[in-house]
Each structure stands twice: as structure tokens, then as C-alpha cells.
PDB file of N, CA and C in Angstrom:
ATOM      1  N   MET A   1       1.237  -4.753  -4.719  1.00  0.00           N
ATOM      2  CA  MET A   1       1.489  -4.552  -3.857  1.00  0.00           C
ATOM      3  C   MET A   1      -0.314  -4.729  -2.866  1.00  0.00           C
ATOM      4  N   THR A   2      -0.273  -5.373  -1.783  1.00  0.00           N
ATOM      5  CA  THR A   2      -1.876  -5.342  -1.388  1.00  0.00           C
ATOM      6  C   THR A   2      -1.561  -5.010  -0.452  1.00  0.00           C
ATOM      7  N   ALA A   3      -2.989  -4.676   0.098  1.00  0.00           N
ATOM      8  CA  ALA A   3      -3.499  -4.091   1.272  1.00  0.00           C
ATOM      9  C   ALA A   3      -3.621  -5.000   2.281  1.00  0.00           C
ATOM     10  N   GLU A   4      -3.154  -6.443   1.978  1.00  0.00           N
ATOM     11  CA  GLU A   4      -3.791  -7.140   2.802  1.00  0.00           C
ATOM     12  C   GLU A   4      -1.637  -7.836   3.307  1.00  0.00           C
ATOM     13  N   GLY A   5      -0.890  -7.904   2.413  1.00  0.00           N
ATOM     14  CA  GLY A   5      -0.120  -8.416   2.340  1.00  0.00           C
ATOM     15  C   GLY A   5       1.578  -7.375   2.457  1.00  0.00           C
ATOM     16  N   SER A   6       1.469  -6.381   3.287  1.00  0.00           N
ATOM     17  CA  SER A   6       2.520  -5.674   3.257  1.00  0.00           C
ATOM     18  C   SER A   6       3.035  -5.582   4.671  1.00  0.00           C
ATOM     19  N   LYS A   7       4.476  -5.590   4.552  1.00  0.00           N
ATOM     20  CA  LYS A   7       4.816  -5.696   5.677  1.00  0.00           C
ATOM     21  C   LYS A   7       4.824  -5.262   6.769  1.00  0.00           C
ATOM     22  N   ASP A   8       4.368  -3.985   6.293  1.00  0.00           N
ATOM     23  CA  ASP A   8       4.421  -2.449   7.210  1.00  0.00           C
ATOM     24  C   ASP A   8       3.482  -2.069   8.137  1.00  0.00           C
ATOM     25  N   GLU A   9       1.975  -3.047   7.617  1.00  0.00           N
ATOM     26  CA  GLU A   9       0.990  -3.103   8.103  1.00  0.00           C
ATOM     27  C   GLU A   9       0.875  -3.402   9.469  1.00  0.00           C
ATOM     28  N   LYS A  10       0.001  -2.732  10.292  1.00  0.00           N
ATOM     29  CA  LYS A  10       0.220  -3.520  11.835  1.00  0.00           C
ATOM     30  C   LYS A  10      -1.195  -2.993  12.166  1.00  0.00           C
ATOM     31  N   GLU A  11      -1.798  -3.421  13.132  1.00  0.00           N
ATOM     32  CA  GLU A  11      -3.070  -2.865  14.128  1.00  0.00           C
ATOM     33  C   GLU A  11      -3.008  -2.496  15.042  1.00  0.00           C
ATOM     34  N   THR A  12      -3.327  -1.404  15.266  1.00  0.00           N
ATOM     35  CA  THR A  12      -3.174  -0.106  16.510  1.00  0.00           C
ATOM     36  C   THR A  12      -4.093  -0.085  17.444  1.00  0.00           C
ATOM     37  N   ASP A  13      -4.197  -0.666  18.763  1.00  0.00           N
ATOM     38  CA  ASP A  13      -5.025  -0.302  19.368  1.00  0.00           C
ATOM     39  C   ASP A  13      -5.903   1.524  19.430  1.00  0.00           C
ATOM     40  N   VAL A  14      -6.534   1.919  19.240  1.00  0.00           N
ATOM     41  CA  VAL A  14      -7.087   3.388  19.778  1.00  0.00           C
ATOM     42  C   VAL A  14      -8.445   3.705  20.716  1.00  0.00           C
ATOM     43  N   GLN A  15      -7.860   4.730  21.539  1.00  0.00           N
ATOM     44  CA  GLN A  15      -9.475   4.860  22.564  1.00  0.00           C
ATOM     45  C   GLN A  15     -10.082   5.491  21.840  1.00  0.00           C
ATOM     46  N   GLU A  16     -11.122   5.357  21.652  1.00  0.00           N
ATOM     47  CA  GLU A  16     -12.443   6.263  21.033  1.00  0.00           C
ATOM     48  C   GLU A  16     -12.902   6.762  22.248  1.00  0.00           C
ATOM     49  N   GLU A  17     -13.795   7.911  21.576  1.00  0.00           N
ATOM     50  CA  GLU A  17     -14.427   9.015  22.751  1.00  0.00           C
ATOM     51  C   GLU A  17     -15.362   8.267  23.403  1.00  0.00           C
ATOM     52  N   THR A  18     -15.604   8.948  24.550  1.00  0.00           N
ATOM     53  CA  THR A  18     -17.188   7.908  25.029  1.00  0.00           C
ATOM     54  C   THR A  18     -18.349   8.325  24.596  1.00  0.00           C
ATOM     55  N   CYS A  19     -19.309   8.542  24.659  1.00  0.00           N
ATOM     56  CA  CYS A  19     -20.589   8.829  24.181  1.00  0.00           C
ATOM     57  C   CYS A  19     -21.368   9.212  25.290  1.00  0.00           C
ATOM     58  N   PRO A  20     -22.157  10.053  25.528  1.00  0.00           N
ATOM     59  CA  PRO A  20     -22.464   9.714  27.192  1.00  0.00           C
ATOM     60  C   PRO A  20     -23.150   9.263  27.843  1.00  0.00           C
ATOM     61  N   GLU A  21     -23.876   8.505  26.728  1.00  0.00           N
ATOM     62  CA  GLU A  21     -24.341   6.913  27.201  1.00  0.00           C
ATOM     63  C   GLU A  21     -23.394   5.954  27.712  1.00  0.00           C
ATOM     64  N   GLU A  22     -22.025   5.798  27.536  1.00  0.00           N
ATOM     65  CA  GLU A  22     -21.282   5.426  27.684  1.00  0.00           C
ATOM     66  C   GLU A  22     -20.305   5.560  29.085  1.00  0.00           C
ATOM     67  N   SER A  23     -19.977   4.701  30.077  1.00  0.00           N
ATOM     68  CA  SER A  23     -19.391   5.512  30.650  1.00  0.00           C
ATOM     69  C   SER A  23     -18.037   5.249  30.878  1.00  0.00           C
ATOM     70  N   LYS A  24     -17.451   4.050  30.051  1.00  0.00           N
ATOM     71  CA  LYS A  24     -15.738   4.050  29.938  1.00  0.00           C
ATOM     72  C   LYS A  24     -15.113   3.669  27.959  1.00  0.00           C
ATOM     73  N   PRO A  25     -14.664   4.663  28.109  1.00  0.00           N
ATOM     74  CA  PRO A  25     -13.807   4.344  26.287  1.00  0.00           C
ATOM     75  C   PRO A  25     -13.380   3.379  26.048  1.00  0.00           C
ATOM     76  N   ARG A  26     -14.162   3.151  24.688  1.00  0.00           N
ATOM     77  CA  ARG A  26     -13.467   1.405  24.081  1.00  0.00           C
ATOM     78  C   ARG A  26     -12.741   1.589  23.797  1.00  0.00           C
ATOM     79  N   MET A  27     -12.173   0.624  23.355  1.00  0.00           N
ATOM     80  CA  MET A  27     -10.759   0.718  21.851  1.00  0.00           C
ATOM     81  C   MET A  27     -10.867   0.033  21.413  1.00  0.00           C
ATOM     82  N   LEU A  28     -10.439   0.890  19.796  1.00  0.00           N
ATOM     83  CA  LEU A  28     -10.783   0.356  18.649  1.00  0.00           C
ATOM     84  C   LEU A  28      -9.778  -0.718  18.411  1.00  0.00           C
ATOM     85  N   SER A  29      -9.423  -1.811  17.230  1.00  0.00           N
ATOM     86  CA  SER A  29      -8.289  -2.123  16.881  1.00  0.00           C
ATOM     87  C   SER A  29      -8.752  -1.582  15.279  1.00  0.00           C
ATOM     88  N   VAL A  30      -7.419  -0.386  15.061  1.00  0.00           N
ATOM     89  CA  VAL A  30      -7.463   0.395  13.692  1.00  0.00           C
ATOM     90  C   VAL A  30      -6.050  -0.124  13.124  1.00  0.00           C
ATOM     91  N   GLN A  31      -6.468  -0.583  11.351  1.00  0.00           N
ATOM     92  CA  GLN A  31      -5.384  -1.183  10.436  1.00  0.00           C
ATOM     93  C   GLN A  31      -3.870   0.705  10.750  1.00  0.00           C
ATOM     94  N   THR A  32      -2.595  -0.105  10.123  1.00  0.00           N
ATOM     95  CA  THR A  32      -1.808   1.133  10.216  1.00  0.00           C
ATOM     96  C   THR A  32      -0.945   0.446   9.210  1.00  0.00           C
ATOM     97  N   MET A  33      -0.872   1.184   7.469  1.00  0.00           N
ATOM     98  CA  MET A  33       0.049   1.378   6.694  1.00  0.00           C
ATOM     99  C   MET A  33       0.963   2.883   6.858  1.00  0.00           C
ATOM    100  N   SER A  34       2.097   2.013   5.813  1.00  0.00           N
ATOM    101  CA  SER A  34       3.179   3.116   5.993  1.00  0.00           C
ATOM    102  C   SER A  34       2.573   3.537   4.895  1.00  0.00           C
ATOM    103  N   SER A  35       2.960   5.361   4.932  1.00  0.00           N
ATOM    104  CA  SER A  35       2.519   6.049   3.797  1.00  0.00           C
ATOM    105  C   SER A  35       3.818   5.509   2.519  1.00  0.00           C
ATOM    106  N   ARG A  36       4.564   5.349   3.022  1.00  0.00           N
ATOM    107  CA  ARG A  36       5.040   4.982   1.875  1.00  0.00           C
ATOM    108  C   ARG A  36       4.442   3.928   0.845  1.00  0.00           C
ATOM    109  N   ASP A  37       4.203   2.656   1.958  1.00  0.00           N
ATOM    110  CA  ASP A  37       3.657   1.624   0.182  1.00  0.00           C
ATOM    111  C   ASP A  37       2.180   2.292   0.346  1.00  0.00           C
ATOM    112  N   LEU A  38       1.561   3.023   0.752  1.00  0.00           N
ATOM    113  CA  LEU A  38       0.350   3.276   0.297  1.00  0.00           C
ATOM    114  C   LEU A  38       0.464   4.539  -0.835  1.00  0.00           C
ATOM    115  N   LEU A  39       1.505   5.075  -0.881  1.00  0.00           N
ATOM    116  CA  LEU A  39       1.709   6.343  -2.074  1.00  0.00           C
ATOM    117  C   LEU A  39       2.572   5.800  -3.240  1.00  0.00           C
ATOM    118  N   GLY A  40       3.517   4.612  -2.849  1.00  0.00           N
ATOM    119  CA  GLY A  40       3.741   3.903  -3.854  1.00  0.00           C
ATOM    120  C   GLY A  40       5.124   5.084  -4.394  1.00  0.00           C
ATOM    121  N   GLU A  41       6.082   5.039  -5.026  1.00  0.00           N
ATOM    122  CA  GLU A  41       7.045   5.808  -5.376  1.00  0.00           C
ATOM    123  C   GLU A  41       7.076   6.590  -5.920  1.00  0.00           C
ATOM    124  N   ARG A  42       5.787   7.480  -6.693  1.00  0.00           N
ATOM    125  CA  ARG A  42       5.566   8.545  -7.268  1.00  0.00           C
ATOM    126  C   ARG A  42       4.789   9.815  -5.665  1.00  0.00           C
ATOM    127  N   GLY A  43       4.556   9.011  -4.746  1.00  0.00           N
ATOM    128  CA  GLY A  43       3.884  10.099  -3.694  1.00  0.00           C
ATOM    129  C   GLY A  43       2.944  10.504  -3.787  1.00  0.00           C
ATOM    130  N   LEU A  44       1.982   9.507  -4.275  1.00  0.00           N
ATOM    131  CA  LEU A  44       0.396  10.443  -4.949  1.00  0.00           C
ATOM    132  C   LEU A  44      -0.441   9.244  -4.867  1.00  0.00           C
ATOM    133  N   LEU A  45      -1.443   8.938  -4.591  1.00  0.00           N
ATOM    134  CA  LEU A  45      -2.615   8.347  -4.376  1.00  0.00           C
ATOM    135  C   LEU A  45      -4.313   8.612  -4.732  1.00  0.00           C
ATOM    136  N   ARG A  46      -4.718   8.394  -5.704  1.00  0.00           N
ATOM    137  CA  ARG A  46      -6.290   8.585  -5.499  1.00  0.00           C
ATOM    138  C   ARG A  46      -6.914   7.623  -5.140  1.00  0.00           C
ATOM    139  N   ILE A  47      -7.777   8.710  -4.141  1.00  0.00           N
ATOM    140  CA  ILE A  47      -8.923   7.804  -3.595  1.00  0.00           C
ATOM    141  C   ILE A  47     -10.486   8.029  -4.275  1.00  0.00           C
ATOM    142  N   GLU A  48     -11.512   6.797  -4.201  1.00  0.00           N
ATOM    143  CA  GLU A  48     -12.701   7.812  -4.594  1.00  0.00           C
ATOM    144  C   GLU A  48     -13.590   7.201  -3.465  1.00  0.00           C
ATOM    145  N   HIS A  49     -14.266   8.242  -3.081  1.00  0.00           N
ATOM    146  CA  HIS A  49     -15.137   7.813  -1.381  1.00  0.00           C
ATOM    147  C   HIS A  49     -16.584   8.748  -2.116  1.00  0.00           C
ATOM    148  N   ASP A  50     -17.792   8.152  -2.071  1.00  0.00           N
ATOM    149  CA  ASP A  50     -18.620   8.286  -2.397  1.00  0.00           C
ATOM    150  C   ASP A  50     -19.117   8.845  -4.043  1.00  0.00           C
ATOM    151  N   GLY A  51     -18.433   8.558  -4.755  1.00  0.00           N
ATOM    152  CA  GLY A  51     -18.475   8.942  -6.055  1.00  0.00           C
ATOM    153  C   GLY A  51     -17.595  10.179  -6.151  1.00  0.00           C
ATOM    154  N   GLU A  52     -17.416  11.065  -5.477  1.00  0.00           N
ATOM    155  CA  GLU A  52     -15.998  11.780  -5.705  1.00  0.00           C
ATOM    156  C   GLU A  52     -14.295  11.575  -5.699  1.00  0.00           C
ATOM    157  N   PHE A  53     -13.237  12.062  -6.394  1.00  0.00           N
ATOM    158  CA  PHE A  53     -12.017  11.292  -6.196  1.00  0.00           C
ATOM    159  C   PHE A  53     -11.323  12.537  -5.818  1.00  0.00           C
ATOM    160  N   TYR A  54     -10.419  12.444  -4.892  1.00  0.00           N
ATOM    161  CA  TYR A  54      -9.379  12.613  -3.914  1.00  0.00           C
ATOM    162  C   TYR A  54      -8.030  12.567  -4.505  1.00  0.00           C
ATOM    163  N   THR A  55      -7.025  13.453  -3.730  1.00  0.00           N
ATOM    164  CA  THR A  55      -5.240  12.995  -4.137  1.00  0.00           C
ATOM    165  C   THR A  55      -5.082  13.646  -2.766  1.00  0.00           C
ATOM    166  N   LEU A  56      -4.211  12.206  -2.632  1.00  0.00           N
ATOM    167  CA  LEU A  56      -3.274  12.221  -1.357  1.00  0.00           C
ATOM    168  C   LEU A  56      -1.866  12.470  -2.223  1.00  0.00           C
ATOM    169  N   ARG A  57      -1.381  13.400  -1.584  1.00  0.00           N
ATOM    170  CA  ARG A  57      -0.100  13.436  -2.189  1.00  0.00           C
ATOM    171  C   ARG A  57       1.464  14.199  -0.688  1.00  0.00           C
ATOM    172  N   VAL A  58       2.785  13.743  -1.144  1.00  0.00           N
ATOM    173  CA  VAL A  58       3.592  13.884  -0.373  1.00  0.00           C
ATOM    174  C   VAL A  58       3.693  15.626  -0.666  1.00  0.00           C
ATOM    175  N   THR A  59       3.966  16.716  -0.090  1.00  0.00           N
ATOM    176  CA  THR A  59       4.955  17.734  -0.502  1.00  0.00           C
ATOM    177  C   THR A  59       5.818  17.801  -0.256  1.00  0.00           C
ATOM    178  N   ARG A  60       6.695  18.263  -0.785  1.00  0.00           N
ATOM    179  CA  ARG A  60       8.142  18.849  -0.992  1.00  0.00           C
ATOM    180  C   ARG A  60       8.696  19.431   0.429  1.00  0.00           C
ATOM    181  N   ASN A  61       8.321  19.014   1.212  1.00  0.00           N
ATOM    182  CA  ASN A  61       8.477  19.513   2.674  1.00  0.00           C
ATOM    183  C   ASN A  61       8.183  17.814   4.079  1.00  0.00           C
ATOM    184  N   ARG A  62       7.681  16.927   2.812  1.00  0.00           N
ATOM    185  CA  ARG A  62       7.720  15.308   3.371  1.00  0.00           C
ATOM    186  C   ARG A  62       6.185  15.315   4.209  1.00  0.00           C
ATOM    187  N   ARG A  63       5.214  16.626   4.203  1.00  0.00           N
ATOM    188  CA  ARG A  63       4.014  16.371   4.715  1.00  0.00           C
ATOM    189  C   ARG A  63       2.737  15.848   4.318  1.00  0.00           C
ATOM    190  N   LEU A  64       2.080  14.976   4.723  1.00  0.00           N
ATOM    191  CA  LEU A  64       0.686  15.136   3.329  1.00  0.00           C
ATOM    192  C   LEU A  64      -0.371  15.919   3.219  1.00  0.00           C
ATOM    193  N   ILE A  65      -1.056  16.117   1.947  1.00  0.00           N
ATOM    194  CA  ILE A  65      -1.978  17.009   1.777  1.00  0.00           C
ATOM    195  C   ILE A  65      -2.888  15.912   1.233  1.00  0.00           C
ATOM    196  N   LEU A  66      -4.229  16.350   1.324  1.00  0.00           N
ATOM    197  CA  LEU A  66      -5.309  15.383   0.678  1.00  0.00           C
ATOM    198  C   LEU A  66      -6.098  16.662  -0.040  1.00  0.00           C
ATOM    199  N   THR A  67      -6.179  16.643  -1.218  1.00  0.00           N
ATOM    200  CA  THR A  67      -7.068  17.576  -1.863  1.00  0.00           C
ATOM    201  C   THR A  67      -8.355  16.827  -2.682  1.00  0.00           C
ATOM    202  N   LYS A  68      -9.290  17.578  -3.297  1.00  0.00           N
ATOM    203  CA  LYS A  68     -10.926  17.368  -3.533  1.00  0.00           C
ATOM    204  C   LYS A  68      -9.929  17.942  -5.462  1.00  0.00           C
TER     205      LYS A  68
END
């Protein structure tokens, strides 16, 4: 699986909040991935961010939880 070639990947327009200096909100294009593609069969993903490690997993109730 690659982040570039997944069939479930989409780009979604998301409205960003306005800053005090701006009069209109900006639309951003955000990459969207299926949680199944991201977490794999085990429902678990280890993420490194700024030298820290986090675990994203699916709970028994099919919810996502991110822990350090």
C-alpha cells in the first residue's frame, strides 16, 4: 500500500476559519484516506511526529483512539 496509489484516497475541500485580517474564509484541499487502508488488517498504526511516537487504533466499538 502506498499513500499515493490508494483507490480510496480523495481530496476534499474543507472550509478554513477566517483570520481577523481576512474577510472571507479560504477553501483548502485536504487528502482523505480510508481508515482501513491507513490502519491495515490489524487496525493499528504507529505514527512518528517530532521524535515522539503515537499509536492510532480501532477500538472494539469501531472508534478511533490516538495514544502516546
